[in-house]
Amino acid sequence: MSVVDRTPLRLALTLFALAALIAAAAPPARAHHAEEHGIASARAPAAGAPVEALAGTVQVVVIEDRVVDMTIRHVGLRLADGTSFALKGTAVETLTSGARIEATGQRNGNTLFVTQVRVAATPPGESRANAQASQTREAVGTPRPTSK
């Protein structure tokens, strides 16, 4: 009868069992969230923020995520000097791209929490439909997470 040295096999099985225990006890990996990178917009006006009025052109971006069957609508305001603000609140739900408005509300960073909207007259020689059509864009693609 020959004696087989089982020490390497026993060591390998012990290491495998130890690795399996560590993997089972480890917490799950976390996904990257926009808030962690400072790119998410505010959720409420800043405490004590003054009421202000901003005038500019509405920009609407609609994101359809067909994977999770969800649609997200982002409304923004581009001022004459090129500065942009995210608009939040029920007052902006019906705004369309290309509309010239004056929005009144309170800010937190680059987000204006709108309490009142006044739609400005369409410039002479440009119909509202033409203004909206010139601002409509569609893009199809696959969203990919980014990291720093």
Protein backbone atom coordinates (compact mmCIF):
# COMPACT_ATOMS: atom_id res chain seq x y z
CA MET A 1 0.00 0.00 0.00
CA SER A 2 1.40 3.38 -0.98
CA VAL A 3 1.00 6.44 1.14
CA VAL A 4 -0.15 9.53 -0.78
CA ASP A 5 0.82 12.92 0.60
CA ARG A 6 -2.47 14.78 0.94
CA THR A 7 -1.07 17.92 2.56
CA PRO A 8 -1.17 20.11 -0.62
CA LEU A 9 -4.74 18.99 -1.36
CA ARG A 10 -5.84 19.69 2.22
CA LEU A 11 -4.17 23.14 2.09
CA ALA A 12 -5.90 23.99 -1.21
CA LEU A 13 -9.31 22.95 0.13
CA THR A 14 -8.77 24.93 3.32
CA LEU A 15 -7.81 28.07 1.36
CA PHE A 16 -10.83 27.65 -0.94
CA ALA A 17 -13.18 27.29 2.05
CA LEU A 18 -11.64 30.37 3.69
CA ALA A 19 -12.05 32.42 0.48
CA ALA A 20 -15.70 31.32 0.18
CA LEU A 21 -16.40 32.41 3.76
CA ILE A 22 -14.79 35.81 3.21
CA ALA A 23 -16.74 36.33 -0.04
CA ALA A 24 -20.02 35.40 1.65
CA ALA A 25 -19.39 37.80 4.54
CA ALA A 26 -18.33 40.78 2.36
CA PRO A 27 -20.92 43.53 1.80
CA PRO A 28 -22.28 43.91 -1.74
CA ALA A 29 -20.58 46.38 -4.06
CA ARG A 30 -22.25 49.80 -4.24
CA ALA A 31 -23.17 51.48 -7.48
CA HIS A 32 -21.97 55.01 -8.27
CA HIS A 33 -24.55 57.66 -7.51
CA ALA A 34 -24.71 61.12 -9.01
CA GLU A 35 -24.99 62.71 -5.57
CA GLU A 36 -21.56 61.35 -4.62
CA HIS A 37 -19.97 63.20 -7.53
CA GLY A 38 -21.70 66.53 -6.95
CA ILE A 39 -23.67 66.42 -10.22
CA ALA A 40 -27.16 65.95 -8.86
CA SER A 41 -29.44 68.94 -8.49
CA ALA A 42 -30.76 70.20 -5.17
CA ARG A 43 -34.00 68.86 -3.71
CA ALA A 44 -35.19 72.03 -1.93
CA PRO A 45 -34.44 75.75 -1.98
CA ALA A 46 -31.57 76.92 0.19
CA ALA A 47 -32.61 78.02 3.66
CA GLY A 48 -33.36 81.74 3.63
CA ALA A 49 -32.86 82.06 -0.15
CA PRO A 50 -34.40 85.25 -1.55
CA VAL A 51 -37.17 85.11 -4.14
CA GLU A 52 -35.78 86.02 -7.56
CA ALA A 53 -36.99 86.20 -11.14
CA LEU A 54 -34.97 84.80 -14.07
CA ALA A 55 -35.85 85.25 -17.74
CA GLY A 56 -34.69 83.07 -20.59
CA THR A 57 -35.45 80.20 -22.96
CA VAL A 58 -36.79 76.85 -21.76
CA GLN A 59 -34.83 73.71 -22.62
CA VAL A 60 -36.52 70.35 -22.02
CA VAL A 61 -34.63 67.06 -22.09
CA VAL A 62 -36.65 63.83 -21.93
CA ILE A 63 -34.78 60.63 -21.15
CA GLU A 64 -36.54 57.35 -21.93
CA ASP A 65 -34.96 54.39 -20.21
CA ARG A 66 -36.48 51.41 -22.00
CA VAL A 67 -34.57 48.94 -19.86
CA VAL A 68 -36.42 49.88 -16.69
CA ASP A 69 -39.42 51.41 -18.52
CA MET A 70 -38.99 54.87 -17.01
CA THR A 71 -39.12 58.37 -18.47
CA ILE A 72 -37.39 61.33 -16.83
CA ARG A 73 -38.11 64.93 -17.88
CA HIS A 74 -35.54 67.62 -17.06
CA VAL A 75 -36.52 71.27 -17.52
CA GLY A 76 -33.89 73.97 -17.74
CA LEU A 77 -33.69 77.71 -18.37
CA ARG A 78 -30.92 79.27 -20.46
CA LEU A 79 -30.41 82.98 -19.79
CA ALA A 80 -29.27 85.49 -22.41
CA ASP A 81 -25.70 85.39 -21.03
CA GLY A 82 -25.54 81.60 -21.53
CA THR A 83 -25.99 80.67 -17.87
CA SER A 84 -28.27 77.65 -17.35
CA PHE A 85 -30.46 76.68 -14.41
CA ALA A 86 -32.43 73.52 -13.68
CA LEU A 87 -36.09 74.31 -13.01
CA LYS A 88 -38.11 72.35 -10.44
CA GLY A 89 -41.70 72.56 -9.27
CA THR A 90 -45.22 71.98 -10.50
CA ALA A 91 -45.22 75.34 -12.29
CA VAL A 92 -42.76 74.01 -14.91
CA GLU A 93 -44.49 70.72 -15.75
CA THR A 94 -46.25 72.06 -18.86
CA LEU A 95 -43.39 74.14 -20.29
CA THR A 96 -42.07 73.25 -23.74
CA SER A 97 -38.63 73.70 -25.29
CA GLY A 98 -38.11 77.07 -26.92
CA ALA A 99 -40.64 78.93 -24.79
CA ARG A 100 -39.39 82.30 -23.53
CA ILE A 101 -40.38 82.72 -19.89
CA GLU A 102 -39.79 84.59 -16.69
CA ALA A 103 -39.61 82.17 -13.76
CA THR A 104 -39.93 83.32 -10.16
CA GLY A 105 -38.74 81.23 -7.25
CA GLN A 106 -35.91 80.46 -4.83
CA ARG A 107 -32.51 79.07 -5.78
CA ASN A 108 -30.22 76.45 -4.40
CA GLY A 109 -27.03 76.40 -6.45
CA ASN A 110 -27.95 76.16 -10.13
CA THR A 111 -31.52 74.95 -9.43
CA LEU A 112 -34.47 77.34 -9.29
CA PHE A 113 -37.51 76.09 -7.36
CA VAL A 114 -40.22 77.81 -9.37
CA THR A 115 -43.38 79.14 -7.77
CA GLN A 116 -44.62 81.22 -10.71
CA VAL A 117 -44.05 81.26 -14.49
CA ARG A 118 -44.92 84.03 -16.93
CA VAL A 119 -44.65 83.10 -20.61
CA ALA A 120 -43.24 85.94 -22.74
CA ALA A 121 -44.62 86.79 -26.15
CA THR A 122 -43.13 84.95 -29.12
CA PRO A 123 -40.77 87.23 -31.10
CA PRO A 124 -42.30 88.76 -34.25
CA GLY A 125 -41.92 86.62 -37.38
CA GLU A 126 -41.47 83.39 -35.41
CA SER A 127 -44.39 81.15 -34.63
CA ARG A 128 -44.47 79.13 -31.44
CA ALA A 129 -44.44 75.89 -33.48
CA ASN A 130 -41.28 77.01 -35.33
CA ALA A 131 -39.56 77.91 -32.05
CA GLN A 132 -40.38 74.50 -30.60
CA ALA A 133 -39.37 72.59 -33.75
CA SER A 134 -35.98 74.30 -33.86
CA GLN A 135 -35.31 73.21 -30.26
CA THR A 136 -36.38 69.54 -30.66
CA ARG A 137 -33.61 66.96 -30.73
CA GLU A 138 -33.63 63.21 -30.37
CA ALA A 139 -30.78 60.92 -29.47
CA VAL A 140 -30.73 57.16 -29.25
CA GLY A 141 -28.06 55.30 -27.37
CA THR A 142 -27.09 53.23 -24.41
CA PRO A 143 -26.43 55.04 -21.15
CA ARG A 144 -23.12 54.05 -19.63
CA PRO A 145 -21.93 54.82 -16.11
CA THR A 146 -18.99 57.16 -15.86
CA SER A 147 -16.39 57.36 -13.18
CA LYS A 148 -13.61 59.74 -12.29
